Amino acid sequence: MALWYCPVCGYEREARCKPQKCPQCEEKRDFAKKEEQEKKK
């Protein structure tokens, strides 16, 4: 699982596949993958 975020409004969603549409912007966006800052040991 990866954490994806919308570069326009900052909406975040955890999913396996890249989201196609942002539910907040209600437009198709190019989601970017957000890297985890803290890795679980």
Protein backbone atom coordinates (compact mmCIF):
# COMPACT_ATOMS: atom_id res chain seq x y z
CA MET A 1 0.00 0.00 0.00
CA ALA A 2 1.15 3.51 -0.77
CA LEU A 3 0.04 6.92 0.41
CA TRP A 4 -1.07 9.13 -2.48
CA TYR A 5 -1.79 12.85 -2.26
CA CYS A 6 -3.37 15.47 -4.47
CA PRO A 7 -0.85 18.25 -5.21
CA VAL A 8 -3.68 20.80 -5.58
CA CYS A 9 -5.73 20.42 -2.38
CA GLY A 10 -3.54 18.05 -0.34
CA TYR A 11 -6.11 15.25 -0.09
CA GLU A 12 -4.42 12.02 1.01
CA ARG A 13 -5.50 8.46 0.32
CA GLU A 14 -3.89 5.14 1.08
CA ALA A 15 -4.31 2.74 -1.83
CA ARG A 16 -2.46 0.16 -3.89
CA CYS A 17 -3.18 1.84 -7.22
CA LYS A 18 -2.85 5.49 -8.14
CA PRO A 19 -6.24 7.26 -7.74
CA GLN A 20 -7.73 8.67 -10.94
CA LYS A 21 -9.99 11.35 -9.48
CA CYS A 22 -9.75 13.51 -6.39
CA PRO A 23 -12.98 13.42 -4.33
CA GLN A 24 -12.36 16.93 -2.97
CA CYS A 25 -11.39 18.69 -6.22
CA GLU A 26 -13.79 16.49 -8.19
CA GLU A 27 -11.43 16.61 -11.14
CA LYS A 28 -8.88 14.23 -12.60
CA ARG A 29 -5.55 14.94 -10.98
CA ASP A 30 -2.05 13.58 -11.26
CA PHE A 31 -1.64 12.12 -7.79
CA ALA A 32 1.87 11.94 -6.37
CA LYS A 33 3.21 9.26 -4.07
CA LYS A 34 3.96 10.44 -0.55
CA GLU A 35 6.92 8.72 1.07
CA GLU A 36 6.58 7.57 4.64
CA GLN A 37 8.69 9.74 6.91
CA GLU A 38 8.92 7.17 9.65
CA LYS A 39 9.35 3.51 8.77
CA LYS A 40 7.97 0.90 11.12
CA LYS A 41 10.58 -1.49 12.49
